[in-house]
Amino acid sequence: MGGARRPMEIDRVTYSYGPVDGDEVIEGEAQAIENAPASFHGPVRFNRTGRWWIKVRLESQGESGEAKFTVPVEPGL
């Protein structure tokens, strides 16, 4: 904390997700987006409504970090 922020080369982005109230865990690896530095994308499919958790892991030069958060999933219109 308190350190200067600096750009980093991201080597790999992986993610996992599942319903908060269940045991299902789905994993994936994001792919770099061409011509968009430090931008990645990966498919996520929510097969039911409710609260879901998502964990994203970044790897760079032998170091890694992750963040986990929850999102509400509601029916489509």
N, C-alpha and C. Protein backbone atom coordinates (compact mmCIF):
# COMPACT_ATOMS: atom_id res chain seq x y z
N MET A 1 0.84 -1.17 0.00
CA MET A 1 0.00 0.00 0.00
C MET A 1 0.89 1.24 0.00
N GLY A 2 0.42 2.27 -0.64
CA GLY A 2 1.17 3.50 -0.68
C GLY A 2 2.24 3.53 -1.75
N GLY A 3 2.48 2.40 -2.44
CA GLY A 3 3.48 2.34 -3.49
C GLY A 3 2.98 2.99 -4.76
N ALA A 4 3.90 3.39 -5.60
CA ALA A 4 3.53 4.00 -6.87
C ALA A 4 2.94 2.94 -7.79
N ARG A 5 1.90 3.30 -8.50
CA ARG A 5 1.31 2.38 -9.47
C ARG A 5 2.12 2.44 -10.75
N ARG A 6 2.36 1.28 -11.33
CA ARG A 6 3.08 1.25 -12.59
C ARG A 6 2.50 0.15 -13.46
N PRO A 7 2.53 0.34 -14.78
CA PRO A 7 2.00 -0.69 -15.68
C PRO A 7 2.78 -1.99 -15.52
N MET A 8 2.11 -3.11 -15.75
CA MET A 8 2.77 -4.39 -15.68
C MET A 8 2.36 -5.25 -16.87
N GLU A 9 3.24 -6.11 -17.26
CA GLU A 9 2.97 -7.07 -18.32
C GLU A 9 2.24 -8.25 -17.70
N ILE A 10 1.05 -8.53 -18.16
CA ILE A 10 0.26 -9.63 -17.61
C ILE A 10 0.52 -10.86 -18.47
N ASP A 11 0.98 -11.94 -17.83
CA ASP A 11 1.30 -13.17 -18.55
C ASP A 11 0.09 -14.08 -18.72
N ARG A 12 -0.79 -14.09 -17.71
CA ARG A 12 -1.91 -15.03 -17.75
C ARG A 12 -3.04 -14.53 -16.86
N VAL A 13 -4.27 -14.73 -17.32
CA VAL A 13 -5.46 -14.39 -16.54
C VAL A 13 -6.35 -15.63 -16.50
N THR A 14 -6.60 -16.14 -15.30
CA THR A 14 -7.52 -17.25 -15.14
C THR A 14 -8.66 -16.81 -14.24
N TYR A 15 -9.76 -17.53 -14.31
CA TYR A 15 -10.91 -17.17 -13.49
C TYR A 15 -11.70 -18.42 -13.13
N SER A 16 -12.46 -18.30 -12.08
CA SER A 16 -13.40 -19.35 -11.69
C SER A 16 -14.64 -18.65 -11.15
N TYR A 17 -15.77 -19.35 -11.22
CA TYR A 17 -17.01 -18.77 -10.72
C TYR A 17 -18.01 -19.86 -10.40
N GLY A 18 -19.00 -19.50 -9.61
CA GLY A 18 -20.04 -20.45 -9.23
C GLY A 18 -21.11 -19.75 -8.42
N PRO A 19 -22.24 -20.42 -8.22
CA PRO A 19 -23.31 -19.84 -7.41
C PRO A 19 -22.90 -19.79 -5.94
N VAL A 20 -23.25 -18.72 -5.28
CA VAL A 20 -22.92 -18.56 -3.86
C VAL A 20 -23.53 -19.68 -3.03
N ASP A 21 -24.72 -20.11 -3.40
CA ASP A 21 -25.43 -21.11 -2.60
C ASP A 21 -25.26 -22.55 -3.12
N GLY A 22 -24.17 -22.81 -3.86
CA GLY A 22 -23.98 -24.15 -4.41
C GLY A 22 -22.52 -24.57 -4.41
N ASP A 23 -22.28 -25.80 -4.87
CA ASP A 23 -20.93 -26.36 -4.90
C ASP A 23 -20.30 -26.31 -6.29
N GLU A 24 -21.05 -25.88 -7.29
CA GLU A 24 -20.56 -25.85 -8.67
C GLU A 24 -19.43 -24.82 -8.82
N VAL A 25 -18.33 -25.24 -9.46
CA VAL A 25 -17.21 -24.34 -9.76
C VAL A 25 -16.87 -24.50 -11.23
N ILE A 26 -16.87 -23.40 -11.95
CA ILE A 26 -16.54 -23.39 -13.37
C ILE A 26 -15.24 -22.59 -13.52
N GLU A 27 -14.30 -23.12 -14.30
CA GLU A 27 -13.00 -22.46 -14.44
C GLU A 27 -12.74 -22.13 -15.90
N GLY A 28 -11.94 -21.10 -16.12
CA GLY A 28 -11.58 -20.72 -17.48
C GLY A 28 -10.30 -19.92 -17.51
N GLU A 29 -9.79 -19.72 -18.71
CA GLU A 29 -8.62 -18.88 -18.91
C GLU A 29 -8.97 -17.80 -19.92
N ALA A 30 -8.73 -16.56 -19.56
CA ALA A 30 -9.05 -15.44 -20.44
C ALA A 30 -7.98 -15.30 -21.52
N GLN A 31 -8.38 -14.77 -22.66
CA GLN A 31 -7.48 -14.56 -23.78
C GLN A 31 -7.24 -13.06 -23.96
N ALA A 32 -6.05 -12.70 -24.37
CA ALA A 32 -5.72 -11.30 -24.62
C ALA A 32 -6.54 -10.78 -25.81
N ILE A 33 -6.93 -9.52 -25.73
CA ILE A 33 -7.66 -8.88 -26.82
C ILE A 33 -6.64 -8.15 -27.69
N GLU A 34 -6.64 -8.46 -28.99
CA GLU A 34 -5.70 -7.84 -29.90
C GLU A 34 -5.89 -6.33 -29.92
N ASN A 35 -4.79 -5.61 -30.02
CA ASN A 35 -4.79 -4.15 -30.11
C ASN A 35 -5.45 -3.47 -28.92
N ALA A 36 -5.49 -4.13 -27.79
CA ALA A 36 -6.05 -3.55 -26.57
C ALA A 36 -5.13 -3.95 -25.41
N PRO A 37 -4.08 -3.19 -25.17
CA PRO A 37 -3.10 -3.55 -24.14
C PRO A 37 -3.75 -3.81 -22.78
N ALA A 38 -3.31 -4.88 -22.13
CA ALA A 38 -3.77 -5.25 -20.78
C ALA A 38 -5.27 -5.52 -20.73
N SER A 39 -5.87 -5.92 -21.86
CA SER A 39 -7.29 -6.26 -21.90
C SER A 39 -7.45 -7.73 -22.25
N PHE A 40 -8.31 -8.40 -21.50
CA PHE A 40 -8.54 -9.83 -21.67
C PHE A 40 -10.03 -10.09 -21.69
N HIS A 41 -10.43 -11.23 -22.27
CA HIS A 41 -11.83 -11.62 -22.23
C HIS A 41 -11.93 -13.13 -22.09
N GLY A 42 -13.02 -13.56 -21.49
CA GLY A 42 -13.28 -14.99 -21.32
C GLY A 42 -14.77 -15.20 -21.14
N PRO A 43 -15.28 -16.31 -21.65
CA PRO A 43 -16.72 -16.55 -21.54
C PRO A 43 -17.14 -16.92 -20.12
N VAL A 44 -18.27 -16.38 -19.71
CA VAL A 44 -18.89 -16.72 -18.42
C VAL A 44 -20.36 -16.96 -18.71
N ARG A 45 -20.88 -18.07 -18.23
CA ARG A 45 -22.29 -18.39 -18.46
C ARG A 45 -22.96 -18.70 -17.13
N PHE A 46 -23.95 -17.91 -16.80
CA PHE A 46 -24.73 -18.13 -15.58
C PHE A 46 -25.97 -18.93 -15.97
N ASN A 47 -26.11 -20.14 -15.45
CA ASN A 47 -27.21 -20.99 -15.87
C ASN A 47 -28.45 -20.86 -14.98
N ARG A 48 -28.41 -19.93 -14.04
CA ARG A 48 -29.60 -19.66 -13.22
C ARG A 48 -29.44 -18.30 -12.54
N THR A 49 -30.52 -17.78 -12.03
CA THR A 49 -30.48 -16.51 -11.33
C THR A 49 -29.98 -16.70 -9.91
N GLY A 50 -29.65 -15.60 -9.27
CA GLY A 50 -29.17 -15.64 -7.89
C GLY A 50 -27.84 -14.93 -7.76
N ARG A 51 -27.20 -15.10 -6.64
CA ARG A 51 -25.89 -14.47 -6.38
C ARG A 51 -24.80 -15.45 -6.79
N TRP A 52 -23.82 -14.96 -7.54
CA TRP A 52 -22.69 -15.76 -8.00
C TRP A 52 -21.41 -15.09 -7.56
N TRP A 53 -20.37 -15.89 -7.29
CA TRP A 53 -19.05 -15.36 -6.97
C TRP A 53 -18.17 -15.54 -8.21
N ILE A 54 -17.23 -14.62 -8.39
CA ILE A 54 -16.26 -14.69 -9.48
C ILE A 54 -14.89 -14.40 -8.87
N LYS A 55 -13.90 -15.24 -9.20
CA LYS A 55 -12.53 -15.02 -8.74
C LYS A 55 -11.63 -14.90 -9.97
N VAL A 56 -10.87 -13.82 -10.02
CA VAL A 56 -9.96 -13.56 -11.14
C VAL A 56 -8.54 -13.58 -10.61
N ARG A 57 -7.65 -14.29 -11.31
CA ARG A 57 -6.25 -14.40 -10.90
C ARG A 57 -5.36 -13.89 -12.03
N LEU A 58 -4.47 -12.96 -11.69
CA LEU A 58 -3.50 -12.41 -12.64
C LEU A 58 -2.12 -12.96 -12.32
N GLU A 59 -1.37 -13.32 -13.35
CA GLU A 59 0.00 -13.78 -13.17
C GLU A 59 0.91 -12.90 -14.01
N SER A 60 2.03 -12.49 -13.41
CA SER A 60 2.98 -11.62 -14.08
C SER A 60 4.38 -11.86 -13.53
N GLN A 61 5.27 -12.26 -14.40
CA GLN A 61 6.69 -12.41 -14.05
C GLN A 61 6.89 -13.20 -12.75
N GLY A 62 6.20 -14.32 -12.64
CA GLY A 62 6.36 -15.19 -11.48
C GLY A 62 5.58 -14.78 -10.24
N GLU A 63 4.88 -13.67 -10.29
CA GLU A 63 4.05 -13.23 -9.17
C GLU A 63 2.59 -13.36 -9.57
N SER A 64 1.72 -13.41 -8.57
CA SER A 64 0.30 -13.50 -8.87
C SER A 64 -0.52 -12.79 -7.81
N GLY A 65 -1.72 -12.47 -8.18
CA GLY A 65 -2.67 -11.85 -7.26
C GLY A 65 -4.07 -12.20 -7.71
N GLU A 66 -5.01 -12.15 -6.81
CA GLU A 66 -6.37 -12.48 -7.18
C GLU A 66 -7.36 -11.61 -6.44
N ALA A 67 -8.55 -11.52 -7.02
CA ALA A 67 -9.65 -10.77 -6.42
C ALA A 67 -10.92 -11.61 -6.56
N LYS A 68 -11.77 -11.56 -5.55
CA LYS A 68 -13.02 -12.31 -5.57
C LYS A 68 -14.15 -11.36 -5.24
N PHE A 69 -15.24 -11.47 -5.97
CA PHE A 69 -16.39 -10.61 -5.73
C PHE A 69 -17.66 -11.36 -6.08
N THR A 70 -18.80 -10.82 -5.68
CA THR A 70 -20.08 -11.43 -5.99
C THR A 70 -20.89 -10.50 -6.88
N VAL A 71 -21.74 -11.12 -7.70
CA VAL A 71 -22.61 -10.36 -8.59
C VAL A 71 -24.02 -10.95 -8.52
N PRO A 72 -25.04 -10.09 -8.62
CA PRO A 72 -26.41 -10.60 -8.70
C PRO A 72 -26.72 -10.95 -10.16
N VAL A 73 -27.34 -12.10 -10.39
CA VAL A 73 -27.73 -12.51 -11.73
C VAL A 73 -29.26 -12.54 -11.76
N GLU A 74 -29.83 -11.75 -12.65
CA GLU A 74 -31.29 -11.63 -12.75
C GLU A 74 -31.75 -12.15 -14.10
N PRO A 75 -33.02 -12.50 -14.22
CA PRO A 75 -33.53 -13.00 -15.50
C PRO A 75 -33.40 -11.95 -16.60
N GLY A 76 -33.14 -12.41 -17.82
CA GLY A 76 -33.07 -11.50 -18.96
C GLY A 76 -34.46 -11.03 -19.36
N LEU A 77 -34.48 -9.95 -20.09
CA LEU A 77 -35.78 -9.41 -20.53
C LEU A 77 -36.20 -10.04 -21.84
